[in-house]
Amino acid sequence: MAAALLDRLLHRCHIVNIRGNSYRMRRHKDLSKAIHPTASRAVDAEQAQMRQTS
């Protein structure tokens, strides 16, 4: 039933995949850094390491 409903809704649609953080996620990250400065450094280091290996 759900598949049929989605098929009807998306029949003539163009699906746009947007990558990257939304403004809400950026704001959340900034607030998180302000609240937990030491934890955010560890997360930033982990993300930088992941970018280098990709």
N, C-alpha and C. Protein backbone atom coordinates (compact mmCIF):
# COMPACT_ATOMS: atom_id res chain seq x y z
N MET A 1 0.82 -1.19 0.00
CA MET A 1 0.00 0.00 0.00
C MET A 1 0.87 1.26 0.00
N ALA A 2 1.89 1.28 0.86
CA ALA A 2 2.77 2.45 0.93
C ALA A 2 3.54 2.63 -0.38
N ALA A 3 3.97 1.54 -0.98
CA ALA A 3 4.71 1.63 -2.23
C ALA A 3 3.83 2.23 -3.33
N ALA A 4 2.58 1.84 -3.38
CA ALA A 4 1.66 2.38 -4.38
C ALA A 4 1.44 3.87 -4.16
N LEU A 5 1.31 4.28 -2.91
CA LEU A 5 1.12 5.69 -2.59
C LEU A 5 2.34 6.51 -3.01
N LEU A 6 3.54 6.03 -2.68
CA LEU A 6 4.76 6.72 -3.09
C LEU A 6 4.89 6.77 -4.60
N ASP A 7 4.52 5.70 -5.27
CA ASP A 7 4.57 5.67 -6.73
C ASP A 7 3.68 6.75 -7.31
N ARG A 8 2.49 6.92 -6.75
CA ARG A 8 1.55 7.95 -7.22
C ARG A 8 2.10 9.35 -6.98
N LEU A 9 2.68 9.56 -5.81
CA LEU A 9 3.17 10.89 -5.46
C LEU A 9 4.42 11.28 -6.26
N LEU A 10 5.28 10.32 -6.52
CA LEU A 10 6.57 10.61 -7.14
C LEU A 10 6.59 10.36 -8.65
N HIS A 11 5.45 10.07 -9.22
CA HIS A 11 5.39 9.70 -10.63
C HIS A 11 6.02 10.75 -11.55
N ARG A 12 5.68 12.00 -11.36
CA ARG A 12 6.19 13.06 -12.24
C ARG A 12 7.14 14.01 -11.51
N CYS A 13 7.69 13.59 -10.45
CA CYS A 13 8.58 14.44 -9.66
C CYS A 13 10.03 14.25 -10.06
N HIS A 14 10.80 15.27 -9.79
CA HIS A 14 12.26 15.18 -9.91
C HIS A 14 12.80 15.23 -8.49
N ILE A 15 13.55 14.24 -8.12
CA ILE A 15 14.11 14.17 -6.77
C ILE A 15 15.50 14.78 -6.81
N VAL A 16 15.72 15.75 -5.94
CA VAL A 16 17.00 16.46 -5.88
C VAL A 16 17.68 16.05 -4.59
N ASN A 17 18.87 15.48 -4.72
CA ASN A 17 19.64 15.08 -3.56
C ASN A 17 20.62 16.20 -3.23
N ILE A 18 20.45 16.80 -2.07
CA ILE A 18 21.30 17.91 -1.65
C ILE A 18 22.26 17.40 -0.59
N ARG A 19 23.53 17.57 -0.85
CA ARG A 19 24.55 17.10 0.10
C ARG A 19 25.07 18.26 0.92
N GLY A 20 25.61 17.94 2.06
CA GLY A 20 26.16 18.97 2.93
C GLY A 20 25.24 19.23 4.11
N ASN A 21 25.74 19.98 5.06
CA ASN A 21 24.97 20.27 6.26
C ASN A 21 23.99 21.40 6.01
N SER A 22 22.81 21.27 6.53
CA SER A 22 21.82 22.33 6.45
C SER A 22 22.19 23.43 7.45
N TYR A 23 21.50 24.56 7.34
CA TYR A 23 21.78 25.63 8.28
C TYR A 23 21.46 25.21 9.70
N ARG A 24 20.48 24.34 9.89
CA ARG A 24 20.15 23.86 11.22
C ARG A 24 21.29 23.02 11.80
N MET A 25 21.86 22.16 10.96
CA MET A 25 22.96 21.33 11.44
C MET A 25 24.20 22.17 11.74
N ARG A 26 24.46 23.21 10.92
CA ARG A 26 25.58 24.09 11.20
C ARG A 26 25.39 24.81 12.53
N ARG A 27 24.16 25.28 12.76
CA ARG A 27 23.86 25.97 14.02
C ARG A 27 24.02 25.02 15.20
N HIS A 28 23.55 23.79 15.06
CA HIS A 28 23.69 22.79 16.11
C HIS A 28 25.16 22.52 16.41
N LYS A 29 25.97 22.42 15.37
CA LYS A 29 27.40 22.16 15.55
C LYS A 29 28.05 23.32 16.31
N ASP A 30 27.69 24.57 15.95
CA ASP A 30 28.25 25.72 16.64
C ASP A 30 27.84 25.74 18.11
N LEU A 31 26.58 25.43 18.38
CA LEU A 31 26.12 25.39 19.78
C LEU A 31 26.81 24.28 20.54
N SER A 32 26.98 23.15 19.90
CA SER A 32 27.63 22.02 20.55
C SER A 32 29.07 22.36 20.92
N LYS A 33 29.76 23.07 20.02
CA LYS A 33 31.13 23.47 20.31
C LYS A 33 31.18 24.44 21.49
N ALA A 34 30.20 25.32 21.58
CA ALA A 34 30.18 26.28 22.67
C ALA A 34 29.90 25.59 24.01
N ILE A 35 29.06 24.58 23.99
CA ILE A 35 28.68 23.91 25.23
C ILE A 35 29.73 22.89 25.66
N HIS A 36 30.26 22.13 24.70
CA HIS A 36 31.22 21.07 24.99
C HIS A 36 32.51 21.28 24.17
N PRO A 37 33.35 22.24 24.55
CA PRO A 37 34.52 22.56 23.72
C PRO A 37 35.52 21.41 23.59
N THR A 38 35.73 20.61 24.61
CA THR A 38 36.74 19.55 24.51
C THR A 38 36.22 18.39 23.67
N ALA A 39 34.95 18.07 23.77
CA ALA A 39 34.38 16.98 22.98
C ALA A 39 34.34 17.34 21.51
N SER A 40 34.08 18.61 21.20
CA SER A 40 33.99 19.01 19.79
C SER A 40 35.35 18.93 19.10
N ARG A 41 36.44 19.13 19.85
CA ARG A 41 37.77 19.00 19.24
C ARG A 41 38.03 17.57 18.80
N ALA A 42 37.59 16.61 19.58
CA ALA A 42 37.76 15.20 19.22
C ALA A 42 36.96 14.87 17.98
N VAL A 43 35.75 15.38 17.89
CA VAL A 43 34.90 15.14 16.72
C VAL A 43 35.51 15.78 15.49
N ASP A 44 36.01 17.02 15.61
CA ASP A 44 36.64 17.70 14.48
C ASP A 44 37.86 16.94 13.98
N ALA A 45 38.66 16.41 14.90
CA ALA A 45 39.84 15.64 14.52
C ALA A 45 39.44 14.37 13.79
N GLU A 46 38.40 13.72 14.27
CA GLU A 46 37.91 12.48 13.63
C GLU A 46 37.39 12.78 12.22
N GLN A 47 36.65 13.87 12.06
CA GLN A 47 36.12 14.23 10.74
C GLN A 47 37.24 14.59 9.78
N ALA A 48 38.25 15.28 10.25
CA ALA A 48 39.40 15.63 9.41
C ALA A 48 40.14 14.38 8.96
N GLN A 49 40.26 13.42 9.85
CA GLN A 49 40.94 12.17 9.51
C GLN A 49 40.13 11.40 8.46
N MET A 50 38.80 11.40 8.58
CA MET A 50 37.95 10.72 7.62
C MET A 50 38.04 11.37 6.24
N ARG A 51 38.14 12.70 6.20
CA ARG A 51 38.27 13.41 4.92
C ARG A 51 39.58 13.08 4.23
N GLN A 52 40.64 12.90 5.01
CA GLN A 52 41.95 12.58 4.44
C GLN A 52 41.97 11.19 3.84
N THR A 53 41.28 10.25 4.43
CA THR A 53 41.28 8.88 3.93
C THR A 53 40.34 8.70 2.75
N SER A 54 39.39 9.62 2.56
CA SER A 54 38.44 9.50 1.45
C SER A 54 39.03 9.95 0.14
